PDB file of all heavy atoms in Angstrom:
ATOM      1  N   ASP A   1       0.460 -10.349  -1.700  1.00  0.00           N
ATOM      2  CA  ASP A   1       0.291 -10.586  -3.146  1.00  0.00           C
ATOM      3  C   ASP A   1       0.211  -9.284  -3.941  1.00  0.00           C
ATOM      4  O   ASP A   1       0.200  -9.303  -5.170  1.00  0.00           O
ATOM      5  CB  ASP A   1      -1.004 -11.386  -3.416  1.00  0.00           C
ATOM      6  CG  ASP A   1      -1.015 -12.721  -2.686  1.00  0.00           C
ATOM      7  OD1 ASP A   1       0.090 -13.240  -2.421  1.00  0.00           O
ATOM      8  OD2 ASP A   1      -2.105 -13.225  -2.362  1.00  0.00           O
ATOM      9  N   VAL A   2       0.084  -8.149  -3.221  1.00  0.00           N
ATOM     10  CA  VAL A   2      -0.134  -6.869  -3.914  1.00  0.00           C
ATOM     11  C   VAL A   2       1.095  -6.506  -4.757  1.00  0.00           C
ATOM     12  O   VAL A   2       2.176  -6.259  -4.238  1.00  0.00           O
ATOM     13  CB  VAL A   2      -0.448  -5.723  -2.905  1.00  0.00           C
ATOM     14  CG1 VAL A   2      -0.580  -4.391  -3.635  1.00  0.00           C
ATOM     15  CG2 VAL A   2      -1.719  -6.035  -2.136  1.00  0.00           C
ATOM     16  N   THR A   3       0.883  -6.501  -6.063  1.00  0.00           N
ATOM     17  CA  THR A   3       1.959  -6.065  -6.970  1.00  0.00           C
ATOM     18  C   THR A   3       1.398  -4.945  -7.834  1.00  0.00           C
ATOM     19  O   THR A   3       0.566  -5.186  -8.716  1.00  0.00           O
ATOM     20  CB  THR A   3       2.442  -7.223  -7.869  1.00  0.00           C
ATOM     21  OG1 THR A   3       1.298  -7.885  -8.395  1.00  0.00           O
ATOM     22  CG2 THR A   3       3.302  -8.206  -7.087  1.00  0.00           C
ATOM     23  N   LEU A   4       1.797  -3.734  -7.523  1.00  0.00           N
ATOM     24  CA  LEU A   4       1.349  -2.575  -8.286  1.00  0.00           C
ATOM     25  C   LEU A   4       2.574  -1.775  -8.714  1.00  0.00           C
ATOM     26  O   LEU A   4       3.543  -1.646  -7.955  1.00  0.00           O
ATOM     27  CB  LEU A   4       0.444  -1.685  -7.418  1.00  0.00           C
ATOM     28  CG  LEU A   4      -0.925  -2.273  -7.024  1.00  0.00           C
ATOM     29  CD1 LEU A   4      -1.549  -1.431  -5.926  1.00  0.00           C
ATOM     30  CD2 LEU A   4      -1.854  -2.336  -8.239  1.00  0.00           C
ATOM     31  N   ILE A   5       2.546  -1.235  -9.922  1.00  0.00           N
ATOM     32  CA  ILE A   5       3.675  -0.411 -10.394  1.00  0.00           C
ATOM     33  C   ILE A   5       3.813   0.785  -9.452  1.00  0.00           C
ATOM     34  O   ILE A   5       2.823   1.469  -9.135  1.00  0.00           O
ATOM     35  CB  ILE A   5       3.425   0.072 -11.852  1.00  0.00           C
ATOM     36  CG1 ILE A   5       3.334  -1.135 -12.796  1.00  0.00           C
ATOM     37  CG2 ILE A   5       4.534   1.016 -12.314  1.00  0.00           C
ATOM     38  CD1 ILE A   5       2.734  -0.820 -14.152  1.00  0.00           C
ATOM     39  N   GLY A   6       5.015   1.019  -8.990  1.00  0.00           N
ATOM     40  CA  GLY A   6       5.263   2.163  -8.098  1.00  0.00           C
ATOM     41  C   GLY A   6       5.283   1.795  -6.625  1.00  0.00           C
ATOM     42  O   GLY A   6       5.664   2.601  -5.778  1.00  0.00           O
ATOM     43  N   LEU A   7       4.854   0.563  -6.291  1.00  0.00           N
ATOM     44  CA  LEU A   7       4.840   0.145  -4.879  1.00  0.00           C
ATOM     45  C   LEU A   7       6.037  -0.757  -4.603  1.00  0.00           C
ATOM     46  O   LEU A   7       6.169  -1.825  -5.187  1.00  0.00           O
ATOM     47  CB  LEU A   7       3.549  -0.617  -4.565  1.00  0.00           C
ATOM     48  CG  LEU A   7       3.387  -1.099  -3.109  1.00  0.00           C
ATOM     49  CD1 LEU A   7       3.304   0.078  -2.144  1.00  0.00           C
ATOM     50  CD2 LEU A   7       2.156  -1.993  -2.962  1.00  0.00           C
ATOM     51  N   ASN A   8       6.921  -0.294  -3.717  1.00  0.00           N
ATOM     52  CA  ASN A   8       8.088  -1.144  -3.429  1.00  0.00           C
ATOM     53  C   ASN A   8       7.761  -2.180  -2.348  1.00  0.00           C
ATOM     54  O   ASN A   8       6.785  -2.065  -1.620  1.00  0.00           O
ATOM     55  CB  ASN A   8       9.325  -0.296  -3.056  1.00  0.00           C
ATOM     56  CG  ASN A   8       9.153   0.458  -1.752  1.00  0.00           C
ATOM     57  OD1 ASN A   8       8.602  -0.063  -0.784  1.00  0.00           O
ATOM     58  ND2 ASN A   8       9.623   1.695  -1.722  1.00  0.00           N
ATOM     59  N   LYS A   9       8.578  -3.177  -2.276  1.00  0.00           N
ATOM     60  CA  LYS A   9       8.365  -4.346  -1.397  1.00  0.00           C
ATOM     61  C   LYS A   9       8.268  -3.927   0.075  1.00  0.00           C
ATOM     62  O   LYS A   9       7.458  -4.458   0.829  1.00  0.00           O
ATOM     63  CB  LYS A   9       9.551  -5.307  -1.603  1.00  0.00           C
ATOM     64  CG  LYS A   9       9.315  -6.694  -1.048  1.00  0.00           C
ATOM     65  CD  LYS A   9       8.677  -7.617  -2.083  1.00  0.00           C
ATOM     66  CE  LYS A   9       8.487  -9.010  -1.522  1.00  0.00           C
ATOM     67  NZ  LYS A   9       7.186  -9.584  -1.861  1.00  0.00           N
ATOM     68  N   GLU A  10       9.111  -2.949   0.470  1.00  0.00           N
ATOM     69  CA  GLU A  10       9.134  -2.520   1.878  1.00  0.00           C
ATOM     70  C   GLU A  10       7.827  -1.877   2.308  1.00  0.00           C
ATOM     71  O   GLU A  10       7.394  -1.999   3.437  1.00  0.00           O
ATOM     72  CB  GLU A  10      10.277  -1.523   2.097  1.00  0.00           C
ATOM     73  CG  GLU A  10      11.641  -2.177   2.245  1.00  0.00           C
ATOM     74  CD  GLU A  10      12.670  -1.181   2.758  1.00  0.00           C
ATOM     75  OE1 GLU A  10      12.548   0.017   2.435  1.00  0.00           O
ATOM     76  OE2 GLU A  10      13.580  -1.584   3.493  1.00  0.00           O
ATOM     77  N   ARG A  11       7.205  -1.143   1.401  1.00  0.00           N
ATOM     78  CA  ARG A  11       5.978  -0.416   1.718  1.00  0.00           C
ATOM     79  C   ARG A  11       4.747  -1.335   1.676  1.00  0.00           C
ATOM     80  O   ARG A  11       3.712  -1.039   2.283  1.00  0.00           O
ATOM     81  CB  ARG A  11       5.833   0.746   0.718  1.00  0.00           C
ATOM     82  CG  ARG A  11       4.616   1.617   0.849  1.00  0.00           C
ATOM     83  CD  ARG A  11       4.532   2.418   2.117  1.00  0.00           C
ATOM     84  NE  ARG A  11       5.650   3.298   2.357  1.00  0.00           N
ATOM     85  CZ  ARG A  11       5.761   4.067   3.435  1.00  0.00           C
ATOM     86  NH1 ARG A  11       4.827   4.031   4.374  1.00  0.00           N
ATOM     87  NH2 ARG A  11       6.803   4.844   3.614  1.00  0.00           N
ATOM     88  N   GLN A  12       4.884  -2.462   0.982  1.00  0.00           N
ATOM     89  CA  GLN A  12       3.763  -3.369   0.712  1.00  0.00           C
ATOM     90  C   GLN A  12       2.892  -3.716   1.941  1.00  0.00           C
ATOM     91  O   GLN A  12       1.671  -3.601   1.886  1.00  0.00           O
ATOM     92  CB  GLN A  12       4.319  -4.645   0.073  1.00  0.00           C
ATOM     93  CG  GLN A  12       3.304  -5.552  -0.556  1.00  0.00           C
ATOM     94  CD  GLN A  12       3.971  -6.852  -1.015  1.00  0.00           C
ATOM     95  OE1 GLN A  12       4.785  -7.428  -0.304  1.00  0.00           O
ATOM     96  NE2 GLN A  12       3.632  -7.302  -2.219  1.00  0.00           N
ATOM     97  N   PRO A  13       3.499  -4.123   3.089  1.00  0.00           N
ATOM     98  CA  PRO A  13       2.668  -4.573   4.226  1.00  0.00           C
ATOM     99  C   PRO A  13       1.731  -3.503   4.787  1.00  0.00           C
ATOM    100  O   PRO A  13       0.652  -3.823   5.273  1.00  0.00           O
ATOM    101  CB  PRO A  13       3.693  -5.001   5.283  1.00  0.00           C
ATOM    102  CG  PRO A  13       4.968  -5.204   4.542  1.00  0.00           C
ATOM    103  CD  PRO A  13       4.932  -4.265   3.384  1.00  0.00           C
ATOM    104  N   THR A  14       2.152  -2.227   4.767  1.00  0.00           N
ATOM    105  CA  THR A  14       1.348  -1.183   5.428  1.00  0.00           C
ATOM    106  C   THR A  14       0.586  -0.309   4.429  1.00  0.00           C
ATOM    107  O   THR A  14      -0.138   0.601   4.828  1.00  0.00           O
ATOM    108  CB  THR A  14       2.256  -0.274   6.290  1.00  0.00           C
ATOM    109  OG1 THR A  14       3.262   0.303   5.440  1.00  0.00           O
ATOM    110  CG2 THR A  14       2.929  -1.052   7.402  1.00  0.00           C
ATOM    111  N   PHE A  15       0.742  -0.599   3.145  1.00  0.00           N
ATOM    112  CA  PHE A  15       0.171   0.264   2.103  1.00  0.00           C
ATOM    113  C   PHE A  15      -1.356   0.310   2.163  1.00  0.00           C
ATOM    114  O   PHE A  15      -1.963   1.376   2.104  1.00  0.00           O
ATOM    115  CB  PHE A  15       0.642  -0.197   0.717  1.00  0.00           C
ATOM    116  CG  PHE A  15       0.148   0.662  -0.413  1.00  0.00           C
ATOM    117  CD1 PHE A  15       0.645   1.940  -0.602  1.00  0.00           C
ATOM    118  CD2 PHE A  15      -0.835   0.203  -1.291  1.00  0.00           C
ATOM    119  CE1 PHE A  15       0.188   2.740  -1.643  1.00  0.00           C
ATOM    120  CE2 PHE A  15      -1.299   0.987  -2.331  1.00  0.00           C
ATOM    121  CZ  PHE A  15      -0.779   2.260  -2.515  1.00  0.00           C
ATOM    122  N   SER A  16      -2.003  -0.838   2.294  1.00  0.00           N
ATOM    123  CA  SER A  16      -3.476  -0.901   2.268  1.00  0.00           C
ATOM    124  C   SER A  16      -4.090  -0.090   3.409  1.00  0.00           C
ATOM    125  O   SER A  16      -5.068   0.640   3.216  1.00  0.00           O
ATOM    126  CB  SER A  16      -3.939  -2.356   2.328  1.00  0.00           C
ATOM    127  OG  SER A  16      -3.472  -3.051   1.186  1.00  0.00           O
ATOM    128  N   ALA A  17      -3.509  -0.213   4.607  1.00  0.00           N
ATOM    129  CA  ALA A  17      -4.010   0.572   5.755  1.00  0.00           C
ATOM    130  C   ALA A  17      -3.855   2.060   5.466  1.00  0.00           C
ATOM    131  O   ALA A  17      -4.754   2.860   5.768  1.00  0.00           O
ATOM    132  CB  ALA A  17      -3.251   0.193   7.020  1.00  0.00           C
ATOM    133  N   GLY A  18      -2.717   2.445   4.876  1.00  0.00           N
ATOM    134  CA  GLY A  18      -2.481   3.855   4.523  1.00  0.00           C
ATOM    135  C   GLY A  18      -3.519   4.378   3.547  1.00  0.00           C
ATOM    136  O   GLY A  18      -4.025   5.507   3.693  1.00  0.00           O
ATOM    137  N   VAL A  19      -3.878   3.550   2.553  1.00  0.00           N
ATOM    138  CA  VAL A  19      -4.899   3.945   1.561  1.00  0.00           C
ATOM    139  C   VAL A  19      -6.252   4.115   2.249  1.00  0.00           C
ATOM    140  O   VAL A  19      -6.981   5.090   1.997  1.00  0.00           O
ATOM    141  CB  VAL A  19      -4.994   2.892   0.418  1.00  0.00           C
ATOM    142  CG1 VAL A  19      -6.160   3.218  -0.510  1.00  0.00           C
ATOM    143  CG2 VAL A  19      -3.684   2.843  -0.374  1.00  0.00           C
ATOM    144  N   ALA A  20      -6.592   3.192   3.154  1.00  0.00           N
ATOM    145  CA  ALA A  20      -7.869   3.275   3.888  1.00  0.00           C
ATOM    146  C   ALA A  20      -7.927   4.572   4.701  1.00  0.00           C
ATOM    147  O   ALA A  20      -8.948   5.284   4.699  1.00  0.00           O
ATOM    148  CB  ALA A  20      -8.021   2.064   4.807  1.00  0.00           C
ATOM    149  N   ILE A  21      -6.830   4.896   5.390  1.00  0.00           N
ATOM    150  CA  ILE A  21      -6.786   6.107   6.230  1.00  0.00           C
ATOM    151  C   ILE A  21      -6.958   7.365   5.372  1.00  0.00           C
ATOM    152  O   ILE A  21      -7.771   8.238   5.685  1.00  0.00           O
ATOM    153  CB  ILE A  21      -5.454   6.170   7.033  1.00  0.00           C
ATOM    154  CG1 ILE A  21      -5.423   5.067   8.095  1.00  0.00           C
ATOM    155  CG2 ILE A  21      -5.272   7.545   7.681  1.00  0.00           C
ATOM    156  CD1 ILE A  21      -4.039   4.814   8.703  1.00  0.00           C
ATOM    157  N   LEU A  22      -6.199   7.455   4.278  1.00  0.00           N
ATOM    158  CA  LEU A  22      -6.265   8.667   3.453  1.00  0.00           C
ATOM    159  C   LEU A  22      -7.644   8.812   2.801  1.00  0.00           C
ATOM    160  O   LEU A  22      -8.192   9.918   2.739  1.00  0.00           O
ATOM    161  CB  LEU A  22      -5.165   8.670   2.383  1.00  0.00           C
ATOM    162  CG  LEU A  22      -5.054   9.987   1.594  1.00  0.00           C
ATOM    163  CD1 LEU A  22      -4.754  11.172   2.521  1.00  0.00           C
ATOM    164  CD2 LEU A  22      -3.987   9.902   0.506  1.00  0.00           C
ATOM    165  N   THR A  23      -8.224   7.705   2.350  1.00  0.00           N
ATOM    166  CA  THR A  23      -9.555   7.761   1.733  1.00  0.00           C
ATOM    167  C   THR A  23     -10.580   8.263   2.747  1.00  0.00           C
ATOM    168  O   THR A  23     -11.433   9.105   2.429  1.00  0.00           O
ATOM    169  CB  THR A  23      -9.965   6.366   1.199  1.00  0.00           C
ATOM    170  OG1 THR A  23      -8.912   5.867   0.376  1.00  0.00           O
ATOM    171  CG2 THR A  23     -11.250   6.439   0.382  1.00  0.00           C
ATOM    172  N   ALA A  24     -10.493   7.769   3.984  1.00  0.00           N
ATOM    173  CA  ALA A  24     -11.417   8.204   5.038  1.00  0.00           C
ATOM    174  C   ALA A  24     -11.234   9.694   5.350  1.00  0.00           C
ATOM    175  O   ALA A  24     -12.214  10.406   5.616  1.00  0.00           O
ATOM    176  CB  ALA A  24     -11.198   7.371   6.296  1.00  0.00           C
TER     177      ALA A  24
END
């Protein structure tokens, strides 16, 4: 359901995990 400006459909499934990793 994640729809954010700048986020393409292909990146959508793994984006949240990537954000968690970088924040940590």
